[in-house]
């Protein structure tokens, strides 16, 4: 049951990503392109059935990890409260990552400016 759910989510994600990528125009990549590259493990521009199965298994493993992380009390169920807490923690983590990236970019720009002045 869980594997069917994960499979459905992956397929829907790929489908919507491909549709969204279609509207970006040439030369621009999006989530669909990134997922395709992840699935194309031998980088031959094609995804074989075996590569697809490995990719689906990897996504299922990630889904199980996310579920187990949300199930903070380990009882095999995720409550709305647990899901909200995990979502909040993920947002906080993403915001910190964005802040760190902005600070790093700012430092790099300042260093470039100093190098140009010298």
PDB file of N, CA and C in Angstrom:
ATOM      1  N   UNK A   1       0.830  -1.194   0.000  1.00  0.00           N
ATOM      2  CA  UNK A   1       0.000   0.000   0.000  1.00  0.00           C
ATOM      3  C   UNK A   1       0.871   1.253   0.000  1.00  0.00           C
ATOM      4  N   UNK A   2       1.851   1.302   0.900  1.00  0.00           N
ATOM      5  CA  UNK A   2       2.731   2.454   0.983  1.00  0.00           C
ATOM      6  C   UNK A   2       3.539   2.606  -0.302  1.00  0.00           C
ATOM      7  N   UNK A   3       4.005   1.477  -0.867  1.00  0.00           N
ATOM      8  CA  UNK A   3       4.802   1.561  -2.087  1.00  0.00           C
ATOM      9  C   UNK A   3       3.953   2.074  -3.245  1.00  0.00           C
ATOM     10  N   UNK A   4       2.678   1.711  -3.295  1.00  0.00           N
ATOM     11  CA  UNK A   4       1.786   2.247  -4.327  1.00  0.00           C
ATOM     12  C   UNK A   4       1.626   3.748  -4.178  1.00  0.00           C
ATOM     13  N   UNK A   5       1.500   4.202  -2.957  1.00  0.00           N
ATOM     14  CA  UNK A   5       1.361   5.633  -2.687  1.00  0.00           C
ATOM     15  C   UNK A   5       2.611   6.378  -3.115  1.00  0.00           C
ATOM     16  N   UNK A   6       3.775   5.876  -2.723  1.00  0.00           N
ATOM     17  CA  UNK A   6       5.041   6.515  -3.085  1.00  0.00           C
ATOM     18  C   UNK A   6       5.204   6.523  -4.599  1.00  0.00           C
ATOM     19  N   UNK A   7       4.896   5.408  -5.249  1.00  0.00           N
ATOM     20  CA  UNK A   7       4.998   5.325  -6.709  1.00  0.00           C
ATOM     21  C   UNK A   7       4.100   6.381  -7.356  1.00  0.00           C
ATOM     22  N   UNK A   8       2.879   6.511  -6.868  1.00  0.00           N
ATOM     23  CA  UNK A   8       1.942   7.496  -7.403  1.00  0.00           C
ATOM     24  C   UNK A   8       2.494   8.910  -7.238  1.00  0.00           C
ATOM     25  N   UNK A   9       3.030   9.220  -6.076  1.00  0.00           N
ATOM     26  CA  UNK A   9       3.587  10.553  -5.816  1.00  0.00           C
ATOM     27  C   UNK A   9       4.749  10.834  -6.768  1.00  0.00           C
ATOM     28  N   UNK A  10       5.639   9.860  -6.945  1.00  0.00           N
ATOM     29  CA  UNK A  10       6.789  10.056  -7.835  1.00  0.00           C
ATOM     30  C   UNK A  10       6.320  10.287  -9.263  1.00  0.00           C
ATOM     31  N   UNK A  11       5.397   9.485  -9.729  1.00  0.00           N
ATOM     32  CA  UNK A  11       4.881   9.633 -11.096  1.00  0.00           C
ATOM     33  C   UNK A  11       4.213  10.993 -11.274  1.00  0.00           C
ATOM     34  N   UNK A  12       3.406  11.400 -10.316  1.00  0.00           N
ATOM     35  CA  UNK A  12       2.739  12.698 -10.408  1.00  0.00           C
ATOM     36  C   UNK A  12       3.764  13.826 -10.398  1.00  0.00           C
ATOM     37  N   UNK A  13       4.782  13.717  -9.553  1.00  0.00           N
ATOM     38  CA  UNK A  13       5.824  14.737  -9.492  1.00  0.00           C
ATOM     39  C   UNK A  13       6.531  14.849 -10.828  1.00  0.00           C
ATOM     40  N   UNK A  14       6.913  13.706 -11.382  1.00  0.00           N
ATOM     41  CA  UNK A  14       7.574  13.719 -12.684  1.00  0.00           C
ATOM     42  C   UNK A  14       6.671  14.314 -13.751  1.00  0.00           C
ATOM     43  N   UNK A  15       5.407  13.943 -13.755  1.00  0.00           N
ATOM     44  CA  UNK A  15       4.465  14.442 -14.761  1.00  0.00           C
ATOM     45  C   UNK A  15       4.301  15.951 -14.669  1.00  0.00           C
ATOM     46  N   UNK A  16       4.053  16.451 -13.467  1.00  0.00           N
ATOM     47  CA  UNK A  16       3.870  17.890 -13.315  1.00  0.00           C
ATOM     48  C   UNK A  16       5.157  18.651 -13.602  1.00  0.00           C
ATOM     49  N   UNK A  17       6.287  18.071 -13.228  1.00  0.00           N
ATOM     50  CA  UNK A  17       7.567  18.724 -13.480  1.00  0.00           C
ATOM     51  C   UNK A  17       7.834  18.839 -14.969  1.00  0.00           C
ATOM     52  N   UNK A  18       7.548  17.785 -15.692  1.00  0.00           N
ATOM     53  CA  UNK A  18       7.761  17.811 -17.144  1.00  0.00           C
ATOM     54  C   UNK A  18       6.861  18.856 -17.778  1.00  0.00           C
ATOM     55  N   UNK A  19       5.602  18.910 -17.349  1.00  0.00           N
ATOM     56  CA  UNK A  19       4.688  19.919 -17.881  1.00  0.00           C
ATOM     57  C   UNK A  19       5.165  21.329 -17.551  1.00  0.00           C
ATOM     58  N   UNK A  20       5.627  21.531 -16.338  1.00  0.00           N
ATOM     59  CA  UNK A  20       6.118  22.851 -15.938  1.00  0.00           C
ATOM     60  C   UNK A  20       7.371  23.216 -16.722  1.00  0.00           C
ATOM     61  N   UNK A  21       8.251  22.254 -16.949  1.00  0.00           N
ATOM     62  CA  UNK A  21       9.472  22.513 -17.707  1.00  0.00           C
ATOM     63  C   UNK A  21       9.167  22.908 -19.130  1.00  0.00           C
ATOM     64  N   UNK A  22       8.110  22.352 -19.690  1.00  0.00           N
ATOM     65  CA  UNK A  22       7.733  22.644 -21.074  1.00  0.00           C
ATOM     66  C   UNK A  22       7.470  24.141 -21.265  1.00  0.00           C
ATOM     67  N   UNK A  23       6.975  24.805 -20.241  1.00  0.00           N
ATOM     68  CA  UNK A  23       6.628  26.212 -20.339  1.00  0.00           C
ATOM     69  C   UNK A  23       7.791  27.147 -20.033  1.00  0.00           C
ATOM     70  N   UNK A  24       8.924  26.622 -19.632  1.00  0.00           N
ATOM     71  CA  UNK A  24      10.070  27.454 -19.300  1.00  0.00           C
ATOM     72  C   UNK A  24      10.812  27.948 -20.525  1.00  0.00           C
ATOM     73  N   UNK A  25      10.742  27.204 -21.605  1.00  0.00           N
ATOM     74  CA  UNK A  25      11.463  27.586 -22.807  1.00  0.00           C
ATOM     75  C   UNK A  25      12.774  26.849 -22.906  1.00  0.00           C
ATOM     76  N   UNK A  26      13.437  26.988 -24.061  1.00  0.00           N
ATOM     77  CA  UNK A  26      14.682  26.254 -24.282  1.00  0.00           C
ATOM     78  C   UNK A  26      15.814  26.740 -23.389  1.00  0.00           C
ATOM     79  N   UNK A  27      16.663  25.802 -23.008  1.00  0.00           N
ATOM     80  CA  UNK A  27      17.848  26.138 -22.226  1.00  0.00           C
ATOM     81  C   UNK A  27      17.624  26.298 -20.742  1.00  0.00           C
ATOM     82  N   UNK A  28      16.404  26.160 -20.293  1.00  0.00           N
ATOM     83  CA  UNK A  28      16.120  26.307 -18.865  1.00  0.00           C
ATOM     84  C   UNK A  28      15.715  24.958 -18.313  1.00  0.00           C
ATOM     85  N   UNK A  29      16.299  24.585 -17.182  1.00  0.00           N
ATOM     86  CA  UNK A  29      15.946  23.300 -16.592  1.00  0.00           C
ATOM     87  C   UNK A  29      15.177  23.526 -15.300  1.00  0.00           C
ATOM     88  N   UNK A  30      14.381  22.552 -14.964  1.00  0.00           N
ATOM     89  CA  UNK A  30      13.583  22.626 -13.751  1.00  0.00           C
ATOM     90  C   UNK A  30      13.613  21.297 -13.041  1.00  0.00           C
ATOM     91  N   UNK A  31      12.660  21.075 -12.148  1.00  0.00           N
ATOM     92  CA  UNK A  31      12.645  19.838 -11.375  1.00  0.00           C
ATOM     93  C   UNK A  31      12.580  18.579 -12.233  1.00  0.00           C
ATOM     94  N   UNK A  32      11.813  18.623 -13.318  1.00  0.00           N
ATOM     95  CA  UNK A  32      11.715  17.448 -14.186  1.00  0.00           C
ATOM     96  C   UNK A  32      13.054  17.077 -14.779  1.00  0.00           C
ATOM     97  N   UNK A  33      13.785  18.065 -15.215  1.00  0.00           N
ATOM     98  CA  UNK A  33      15.120  17.846 -15.786  1.00  0.00           C
ATOM     99  C   UNK A  33      16.056  17.262 -14.726  1.00  0.00           C
ATOM    100  N   UNK A  34      15.978  17.803 -13.534  1.00  0.00           N
ATOM    101  CA  UNK A  34      16.836  17.320 -12.447  1.00  0.00           C
ATOM    102  C   UNK A  34      16.490  15.874 -12.080  1.00  0.00           C
ATOM    103  N   UNK A  35      15.192  15.570 -12.019  1.00  0.00           N
ATOM    104  CA  UNK A  35      14.777  14.202 -11.704  1.00  0.00           C
ATOM    105  C   UNK A  35      15.224  13.240 -12.799  1.00  0.00           C
ATOM    106  N   UNK A  36      15.114  13.671 -14.049  1.00  0.00           N
ATOM    107  CA  UNK A  36      15.548  12.821 -15.157  1.00  0.00           C
ATOM    108  C   UNK A  36      17.046  12.537 -15.041  1.00  0.00           C
ATOM    109  N   UNK A  37      17.823  13.566 -14.760  1.00  0.00           N
ATOM    110  CA  UNK A  37      19.277  13.380 -14.621  1.00  0.00           C
ATOM    111  C   UNK A  37      19.608  12.449 -13.451  1.00  0.00           C
ATOM    112  N   UNK A  38      18.837  12.548 -12.389  1.00  0.00           N
ATOM    113  CA  UNK A  38      19.058  11.659 -11.244  1.00  0.00           C
ATOM    114  C   UNK A  38      18.763  10.212 -11.629  1.00  0.00           C
ATOM    115  N   UNK A  39      17.707  10.011 -12.410  1.00  0.00           N
ATOM    116  CA  UNK A  39      17.323   8.653 -12.806  1.00  0.00           C
ATOM    117  C   UNK A  39      18.277   8.085 -13.843  1.00  0.00           C
ATOM    118  N   UNK A  40      18.852   8.940 -14.691  1.00  0.00           N
ATOM    119  CA  UNK A  40      19.762   8.512 -15.757  1.00  0.00           C
ATOM    120  C   UNK A  40      21.154   8.296 -15.165  1.00  0.00           C
ATOM    121  N   UNK A  41      21.330   7.201 -14.443  1.00  0.00           N
ATOM    122  CA  UNK A  41      22.565   6.971 -13.688  1.00  0.00           C
ATOM    123  C   UNK A  41      23.801   6.777 -14.560  1.00  0.00           C
ATOM    124  N   UNK A  42      23.642   6.331 -15.809  1.00  0.00           N
ATOM    125  CA  UNK A  42      24.817   6.167 -16.671  1.00  0.00           C
ATOM    126  C   UNK A  42      25.015   7.359 -17.614  1.00  0.00           C
ATOM    127  N   UNK A  43      24.200   8.399 -17.427  1.00  0.00           N
ATOM    128  CA  UNK A  43      24.328   9.655 -18.184  1.00  0.00           C
ATOM    129  C   UNK A  43      24.341   9.475 -19.694  1.00  0.00           C
ATOM    130  N   UNK A  44      23.508   8.554 -20.195  1.00  0.00           N
ATOM    131  CA  UNK A  44      23.460   8.353 -21.641  1.00  0.00           C
ATOM    132  C   UNK A  44      22.282   9.081 -22.289  1.00  0.00           C
ATOM    133  N   UNK A  45      21.571   9.915 -21.511  1.00  0.00           N
ATOM    134  CA  UNK A  45      20.449  10.673 -22.052  1.00  0.00           C
ATOM    135  C   UNK A  45      19.159   9.885 -22.132  1.00  0.00           C
ATOM    136  N   UNK A  46      19.169   8.674 -21.600  1.00  0.00           N
ATOM    137  CA  UNK A  46      17.990   7.815 -21.606  1.00  0.00           C
ATOM    138  C   UNK A  46      17.855   7.165 -20.233  1.00  0.00           C
ATOM    139  N   UNK A  47      16.629   6.868 -19.849  1.00  0.00           N
ATOM    140  CA  UNK A  47      16.389   6.161 -18.598  1.00  0.00           C
ATOM    141  C   UNK A  47      15.893   4.768 -18.951  1.00  0.00           C
ATOM    142  N   UNK A  48      16.706   3.778 -18.630  1.00  0.00           N
ATOM    143  CA  UNK A  48      16.314   2.393 -18.885  1.00  0.00           C
ATOM    144  C   UNK A  48      15.319   1.942 -17.818  1.00  0.00           C
ATOM    145  N   UNK A  49      14.708   0.796 -18.064  1.00  0.00           N
ATOM    146  CA  UNK A  49      13.774   0.247 -17.086  1.00  0.00           C
ATOM    147  C   UNK A  49      14.497   0.004 -15.753  1.00  0.00           C
ATOM    148  N   UNK A  50      15.718  -0.554 -15.827  1.00  0.00           N
ATOM    149  CA  UNK A  50      16.475  -0.818 -14.598  1.00  0.00           C
ATOM    150  C   UNK A  50      16.809   0.476 -13.859  1.00  0.00           C
ATOM    151  N   UNK A  51      17.209   1.517 -14.597  1.00  0.00           N
ATOM    152  CA  UNK A  51      17.492   2.807 -13.959  1.00  0.00           C
ATOM    153  C   UNK A  51      16.223   3.355 -13.307  1.00  0.00           C
ATOM    154  N   UNK A  52      15.104   3.206 -13.997  1.00  0.00           N
ATOM    155  CA  UNK A  52      13.824   3.662 -13.459  1.00  0.00           C
ATOM    156  C   UNK A  52      13.505   2.953 -12.151  1.00  0.00           C
ATOM    157  N   UNK A  53      13.686   1.637 -12.137  1.00  0.00           N
ATOM    158  CA  UNK A  53      13.383   0.868 -10.927  1.00  0.00           C
ATOM    159  C   UNK A  53      14.279   1.264  -9.765  1.00  0.00           C
ATOM    160  N   UNK A  54      15.559   1.501 -10.041  1.00  0.00           N
ATOM    161  CA  UNK A  54      16.485   1.943  -8.990  1.00  0.00           C
ATOM    162  C   UNK A  54      16.052   3.305  -8.464  1.00  0.00           C
ATOM    163  N   UNK A  55      15.684   4.198  -9.383  1.00  0.00           N
ATOM    164  CA  UNK A  55      15.254   5.540  -8.997  1.00  0.00           C
ATOM    165  C   UNK A  55      13.980   5.482  -8.151  1.00  0.00           C
ATOM    166  N   UNK A  56      13.013   4.666  -8.563  1.00  0.00           N
ATOM    167  CA  UNK A  56      11.765   4.517  -7.807  1.00  0.00           C
ATOM    168  C   UNK A  56      12.054   3.963  -6.408  1.00  0.00           C
ATOM    169  N   UNK A  57      12.949   2.978  -6.324  1.00  0.00           N
ATOM    170  CA  UNK A  57      13.307   2.413  -5.013  1.00  0.00           C
ATOM    171  C   UNK A  57      13.954   3.480  -4.133  1.00  0.00           C
ATOM    172  N   UNK A  58      14.812   4.307  -4.738  1.00  0.00           N
ATOM    173  CA  UNK A  58      15.471   5.379  -3.987  1.00  0.00           C
ATOM    174  C   UNK A  58      14.425   6.374  -3.465  1.00  0.00           C
ATOM    175  N   UNK A  59      13.459   6.732  -4.318  1.00  0.00           N
ATOM    176  CA  UNK A  59      12.410   7.652  -3.897  1.00  0.00           C
ATOM    177  C   UNK A  59      11.544   7.040  -2.796  1.00  0.00           C
ATOM    178  N   UNK A  60      11.271   5.738  -2.903  1.00  0.00           N
ATOM    179  CA  UNK A  60      10.491   5.052  -1.865  1.00  0.00           C
ATOM    180  C   UNK A  60      11.251   5.058  -0.542  1.00  0.00           C
ATOM    181  N   UNK A  61      12.566   4.831  -0.610  1.00  0.00           N
ATOM    182  CA  UNK A  61      13.390   4.877   0.605  1.00  0.00           C
ATOM    183  C   UNK A  61      13.341   6.264   1.238  1.00  0.00           C
ATOM    184  N   UNK A  62      13.435   7.296   0.401  1.00  0.00           N
ATOM    185  CA  UNK A  62      13.368   8.668   0.918  1.00  0.00           C
ATOM    186  C   UNK A  62      12.005   8.931   1.548  1.00  0.00           C
ATOM    187  N   UNK A  63      10.954   8.418   0.917  1.00  0.00           N
ATOM    188  CA  UNK A  63       9.608   8.583   1.463  1.00  0.00           C
ATOM    189  C   UNK A  63       9.470   7.922   2.827  1.00  0.00           C
ATOM    190  N   UNK A  64      10.028   6.723   2.952  1.00  0.00           N
ATOM    191  CA  UNK A  64       9.983   6.030   4.249  1.00  0.00           C
ATOM    192  C   UNK A  64      10.782   6.811   5.295  1.00  0.00           C
ATOM    193  N   UNK A  65      11.933   7.354   4.899  1.00  0.00           N
ATOM    194  CA  UNK A  65      12.732   8.150   5.833  1.00  0.00           C
ATOM    195  C   UNK A  65      11.946   9.379   6.305  1.00  0.00           C
ATOM    196  N   UNK A  66      11.284  10.057   5.353  1.00  0.00           N
ATOM    197  CA  UNK A  66      10.479  11.239   5.726  1.00  0.00           C
ATOM    198  C   UNK A  66       9.348  10.843   6.674  1.00  0.00           C
ATOM    199  N   UNK A  67       8.683   9.731   6.370  1.00  0.00           N
ATOM    200  CA  UNK A  67       7.589   9.276   7.231  1.00  0.00           C
ATOM    201  C   UNK A  67       8.120   9.000   8.632  1.00  0.00           C
ATOM    202  N   UNK A  68       9.211   8.251   8.718  1.00  0.00           N
ATOM    203  CA  UNK A  68       9.770   7.909  10.027  1.00  0.00           C
ATOM    204  C   UNK A  68      10.231   9.146  10.787  1.00  0.00           C
ATOM    205  N   UNK A  69      10.727  10.141  10.046  1.00  0.00           N
ATOM    206  CA  UNK A  69      11.147  11.378  10.693  1.00  0.00           C
ATOM    207  C   UNK A  69       9.932  12.131  11.243  1.00  0.00           C
ATOM    208  N   UNK A  70       8.829  12.138  10.478  1.00  0.00           N
ATOM    209  CA  UNK A  70       7.605  12.809  10.946  1.00  0.00           C
ATOM    210  C   UNK A  70       6.985  12.080  12.121  1.00  0.00           C
ATOM    211  N   UNK A  71       7.095  10.745  12.139  1.00  0.00           N
ATOM    212  CA  UNK A  71       6.516   9.927  13.210  1.00  0.00           C
ATOM    213  C   UNK A  71       7.408  10.031  14.442  1.00  0.00           C
ATOM    214  N   UNK A  72       7.389  11.208  15.062  1.00  0.00           N
ATOM    215  CA  UNK A  72       8.331  11.509  16.145  1.00  0.00           C
ATOM    216  C   UNK A  72       8.175  10.609  17.360  1.00  0.00           C
ATOM    217  N   UNK A  73       6.978  10.075  17.606  1.00  0.00           N
ATOM    218  CA  UNK A  73       6.812   9.186  18.762  1.00  0.00           C
ATOM    219  C   UNK A  73       6.999   7.712  18.396  1.00  0.00           C
ATOM    220  N   UNK A  74       7.218   7.421  17.111  1.00  0.00           N
ATOM    221  CA  UNK A  74       7.533   6.056  16.670  1.00  0.00           C
ATOM    222  C   UNK A  74       6.395   5.064  16.764  1.00  0.00           C
ATOM    223  N   UNK A  75       5.155   5.549  16.761  1.00  0.00           N
ATOM    224  CA  UNK A  75       4.033   4.624  16.911  1.00  0.00           C
ATOM    225  C   UNK A  75       3.494   4.092  15.581  1.00  0.00           C
ATOM    226  N   UNK A  76       4.121   4.465  14.473  1.00  0.00           N
ATOM    227  CA  UNK A  76       3.688   3.977  13.166  1.00  0.00           C
ATOM    228  C   UNK A  76       2.616   4.824  12.506  1.00  0.00           C
ATOM    229  N   UNK A  77       2.268   5.948  13.122  1.00  0.00           N
ATOM    230  CA  UNK A  77       1.268   6.859  12.580  1.00  0.00           C
ATOM    231  C   UNK A  77       1.823   8.278  12.627  1.00  0.00           C
ATOM    232  N   UNK A  78       1.392   9.104  11.690  1.00  0.00           N
ATOM    233  CA  UNK A  78       1.765  10.513  11.701  1.00  0.00           C
ATOM    234  C   UNK A  78       0.506  11.319  11.957  1.00  0.00           C
ATOM    235  N   UNK A  79       0.528  12.072  13.035  1.00  0.00           N
ATOM    236  CA  UNK A  79      -0.597  12.946  13.357  1.00  0.00           C
ATOM    237  C   UNK A  79      -0.417  14.283  12.644  1.00  0.00           C
ATOM    238  N   UNK A  80      -1.482  15.065  12.611  1.00  0.00           N
ATOM    239  CA  UNK A  80      -1.386  16.408  12.034  1.00  0.00           C
ATOM    240  C   UNK A  80      -0.349  17.229  12.788  1.00  0.00           C
ATOM    241  N   UNK A  81      -0.319  17.070  14.087  1.00  0.00           N
ATOM    242  CA  UNK A  81       0.631  17.822  14.913  1.00  0.00           C
ATOM    243  C   UNK A  81       2.063  17.443  14.532  1.00  0.00           C
ATOM    244  N   UNK A  82       2.334  16.144  14.388  1.00  0.00           N
ATOM    245  CA  UNK A  82       3.679  15.700  14.011  1.00  0.00           C
ATOM    246  C   UNK A  82       4.053  16.224  12.622  1.00  0.00           C
ATOM    247  N   UNK A  83       3.110  16.183  11.692  1.00  0.00           N
ATOM    248  CA  UNK A  83       3.372  16.663  10.335  1.00  0.00           C
ATOM    249  C   UNK A  83       3.659  18.163  10.340  1.00  0.00           C
ATOM    250  N   UNK A  84       2.883  18.922  11.123  1.00  0.00           N
ATOM    251  CA  UNK A  84       3.100  20.367  11.215  1.00  0.00           C
ATOM    252  C   UNK A  84       4.453  20.672  11.838  1.00  0.00           C
ATOM    253  N   UNK A  85       4.826  19.927  12.874  1.00  0.00           N
ATOM    254  CA  UNK A  85       6.110  20.150  13.532  1.00  0.00           C
ATOM    255  C   UNK A  85       7.270  19.879  12.568  1.00  0.00           C
ATOM    256  N   UNK A  86       7.169  18.807  11.797  1.00  0.00           N
ATOM    257  CA  UNK A  86       8.224  18.485  10.835  1.00  0.00           C
ATOM    258  C   UNK A  86       8.278  19.527   9.737  1.00  0.00           C
ATOM    259  N   UNK A  87       7.115  19.964   9.279  1.00  0.00           N
ATOM    260  CA  UNK A  87       7.058  20.992   8.243  1.00  0.00           C
ATOM    261  C   UNK A  87       7.708  22.283   8.734  1.00  0.00           C
ATOM    262  N   UNK A  88       7.408  22.640   9.969  1.00  0.00           N
ATOM    263  CA  UNK A  88       7.991  23.847  10.571  1.00  0.00           C
ATOM    264  C   UNK A  88       9.509  23.707  10.681  1.00  0.00           C
ATOM    265  N   UNK A  89       9.970  22.548  11.102  1.00  0.00           N
ATOM    266  CA  UNK A  89      11.411  22.306  11.232  1.00  0.00           C
ATOM    267  C   UNK A  89      12.099  22.373   9.860  1.00  0.00           C
ATOM    268  N   UNK A  90      11.447  21.822   8.829  1.00  0.00           N
ATOM    269  CA  UNK A  90      12.018  21.857   7.485  1.00  0.00           C
ATOM    270  C   UNK A  90      12.089  23.294   6.957  1.00  0.00           C
ATOM    271  N   UNK A  91      11.032  24.074   7.189  1.00  0.00           N
ATOM    272  CA  UNK A  91      11.041  25.482   6.763  1.00  0.00           C
ATOM    273  C   UNK A  91      12.174  26.233   7.449  1.00  0.00           C
ATOM    274  N   UNK A  92      12.332  25.989   8.737  1.00  0.00           N
ATOM    275  CA  UNK A  92      13.392  26.654   9.497  1.00  0.00           C
ATOM    276  C   UNK A  92      14.760  26.281   8.935  1.00  0.00           C
ATOM    277  N   UNK A  93      14.944  25.009   8.625  1.00  0.00           N
ATOM    278  CA  UNK A  93      16.198  24.532   8.061  1.00  0.00           C
ATOM    279  C   UNK A  93      16.456  25.168   6.683  1.00  0.00           C
ATOM    280  N   UNK A  94      15.410  25.254   5.857  1.00  0.00           N
ATOM    281  CA  UNK A  94      15.540  25.854   4.526  1.00  0.00           C
ATOM    282  C   UNK A  94      15.878  27.336   4.632  1.00  0.00           C
ATOM    283  N   UNK A  95      15.239  28.034   5.566  1.00  0.00           N
ATOM    284  CA  UNK A  95      15.512  29.465   5.743  1.00  0.00           C
ATOM    285  C   UNK A  95      16.954  29.693   6.177  1.00  0.00           C
ATOM    286  N   UNK A  96      17.458  28.835   7.061  1.00  0.00           N
ATOM    287  CA  UNK A  96      18.841  28.954   7.488  1.00  0.00           C
ATOM    288  C   UNK A  96      19.788  28.699   6.322  1.00  0.00           C
ATOM    289  N   UNK A  97      19.461  27.702   5.518  1.00  0.00           N
ATOM    290  CA  UNK A  97      20.294  27.390   4.353  1.00  0.00           C
ATOM    291  C   UNK A  97      20.317  28.566   3.379  1.00  0.00           C
ATOM    292  N   UNK A  98      19.146  29.166   3.125  1.00  0.00           N
ATOM    293  CA  UNK A  98      19.087  30.329   2.239  1.00  0.00           C
ATOM    294  C   UNK A  98      19.893  31.490   2.805  1.00  0.00           C
ATOM    295  N   UNK A  99      19.774  31.718   4.108  1.00  0.00           N
ATOM    296  CA  UNK A  99      20.517  32.805   4.743  1.00  0.00           C
ATOM    297  C   UNK A  99      22.013  32.564   4.609  1.00  0.00           C
ATOM    298  N   UNK A 100      22.441  31.330   4.869  1.00  0.00           N
ATOM    299  CA  UNK A 100      23.863  30.997   4.748  1.00  0.00           C
ATOM    300  C   UNK A 100      24.358  31.194   3.322  1.00  0.00           C
ATOM    301  N   UNK A 101      23.534  30.817   2.341  1.00  0.00           N
ATOM    302  CA  UNK A 101      23.918  30.986   0.941  1.00  0.00           C
ATOM    303  C   UNK A 101      24.019  32.465   0.573  1.00  0.00           C
ATOM    304  N   UNK A 102      23.092  33.289   1.075  1.00  0.00           N
ATOM    305  CA  UNK A 102      23.152  34.740   0.811  1.00  0.00           C
ATOM    306  C   UNK A 102      24.412  35.338   1.414  1.00  0.00           C
ATOM    307  N   UNK A 103      24.734  34.931   2.644  1.00  0.00           N
ATOM    308  CA  UNK A 103      25.925  35.452   3.307  1.00  0.00           C
ATOM    309  C   UNK A 103      27.189  35.022   2.563  1.00  0.00           C
ATOM    310  N   UNK A 104      27.209  33.794   2.095  1.00  0.00           N
ATOM    311  CA  UNK A 104      28.360  33.304   1.344  1.00  0.00           C
ATOM    312  C   UNK A 104      28.513  34.068   0.031  1.00  0.00           C
ATOM    313  N   UNK A 105      27.388  34.278  -0.664  1.00  0.00           N
ATOM    314  CA  UNK A 105      27.430  35.018  -1.924  1.00  0.00           C
ATOM    315  C   UNK A 105      27.886  36.454  -1.688  1.00  0.00           C
ATOM    316  N   UNK A 106      27.402  37.070  -0.626  1.00  0.00           N
ATOM    317  CA  UNK A 106      27.794  38.443  -0.296  1.00  0.00           C
ATOM    318  C   UNK A 106      29.294  38.516  -0.024  1.00  0.00           C
ATOM    319  N   UNK A 107      29.821  37.548   0.722  1.00  0.00           N
ATOM    320  CA  UNK A 107      31.258  37.518   1.014  1.00  0.00           C
ATOM    321  C   UNK A 107      32.071  37.329  -0.265  1.00  0.00           C
ATOM    322  N   UNK A 108      31.575  36.475  -1.166  1.00  0.00           N
ATOM    323  CA  UNK A 108      32.286  36.258  -2.428  1.00  0.00           C
ATOM    324  C   UNK A 108      32.298  37.527  -3.275  1.00  0.00           C
ATOM    325  N   UNK A 109      31.173  38.241  -3.307  1.00  0.00           N
ATOM    326  CA  UNK A 109      31.107  39.485  -4.067  1.00  0.00           C
ATOM    327  C   UNK A 109      32.034  40.543  -3.481  1.00  0.00           C
ATOM    328  N   UNK A 110      32.075  40.622  -2.166  1.00  0.00           N
ATOM    329  CA  UNK A 110      32.976  41.570  -1.512  1.00  0.00           C
ATOM    330  C   UNK A 110      34.431  41.232  -1.808  1.00  0.00           C
ATOM    331  N   UNK A 111      34.755  39.938  -1.798  1.00  0.00           N
ATOM    332  CA  UNK A 111      36.122  39.512  -2.107  1.00  0.00           C
ATOM    333  C   UNK A 111      36.475  39.837  -3.559  1.00  0.00           C
ATOM    334  N   UNK A 112      35.541  39.609  -4.468  1.00  0.00           N
ATOM    335  CA  UNK A 112      35.766  39.939  -5.881  1.00  0.00           C
ATOM    336  C   UNK A 112      36.009  41.432  -6.052  1.00  0.00           C
ATOM    337  N   UNK A 113      35.227  42.225  -5.333  1.00  0.00           N
ATOM    338  CA  UNK A 113      35.371  43.686  -5.417  1.00  0.00           C
ATOM    339  C   UNK A 113      36.752  44.112  -4.918  1.00  0.00           C
ATOM    340  N   UNK A 114      37.186  43.535  -3.821  1.00  0.00           N
ATOM    341  CA  UNK A 114      38.519  43.851  -3.299  1.00  0.00           C
ATOM    342  C   UNK A 114      39.613  43.434  -4.286  1.00  0.00           C
ATOM    343  N   UNK A 115      39.454  42.276  -4.904  1.00  0.00           N
ATOM    344  CA  UNK A 115      40.433  41.807  -5.886  1.00  0.00           C
ATOM    345  C   UNK A 115      40.491  42.715  -7.097  1.00  0.00           C
ATOM    346  N   UNK A 116      39.342  43.256  -7.511  1.00  0.00           N
ATOM    347  CA  UNK A 116      39.306  44.159  -8.655  1.00  0.00           C
ATOM    348  C   UNK A 116      39.982  45.469  -8.333  1.00  0.00           C
ATOM    349  N   UNK A 117      39.854  45.922  -7.090  1.00  0.00           N
ATOM    350  CA  UNK A 117      40.445  47.196  -6.677  1.00  0.00           C
ATOM    351  C   UNK A 117      41.971  47.098  -6.593  1.00  0.00           C
ATOM    352  N   UNK A 118      42.483  45.906  -6.355  1.00  0.00           N
ATOM    353  CA  UNK A 118      43.948  45.728  -6.217  1.00  0.00           C
ATOM    354  C   UNK A 118      44.594  45.469  -7.505  1.00  0.00           C
TER     355      UNK A 118
END
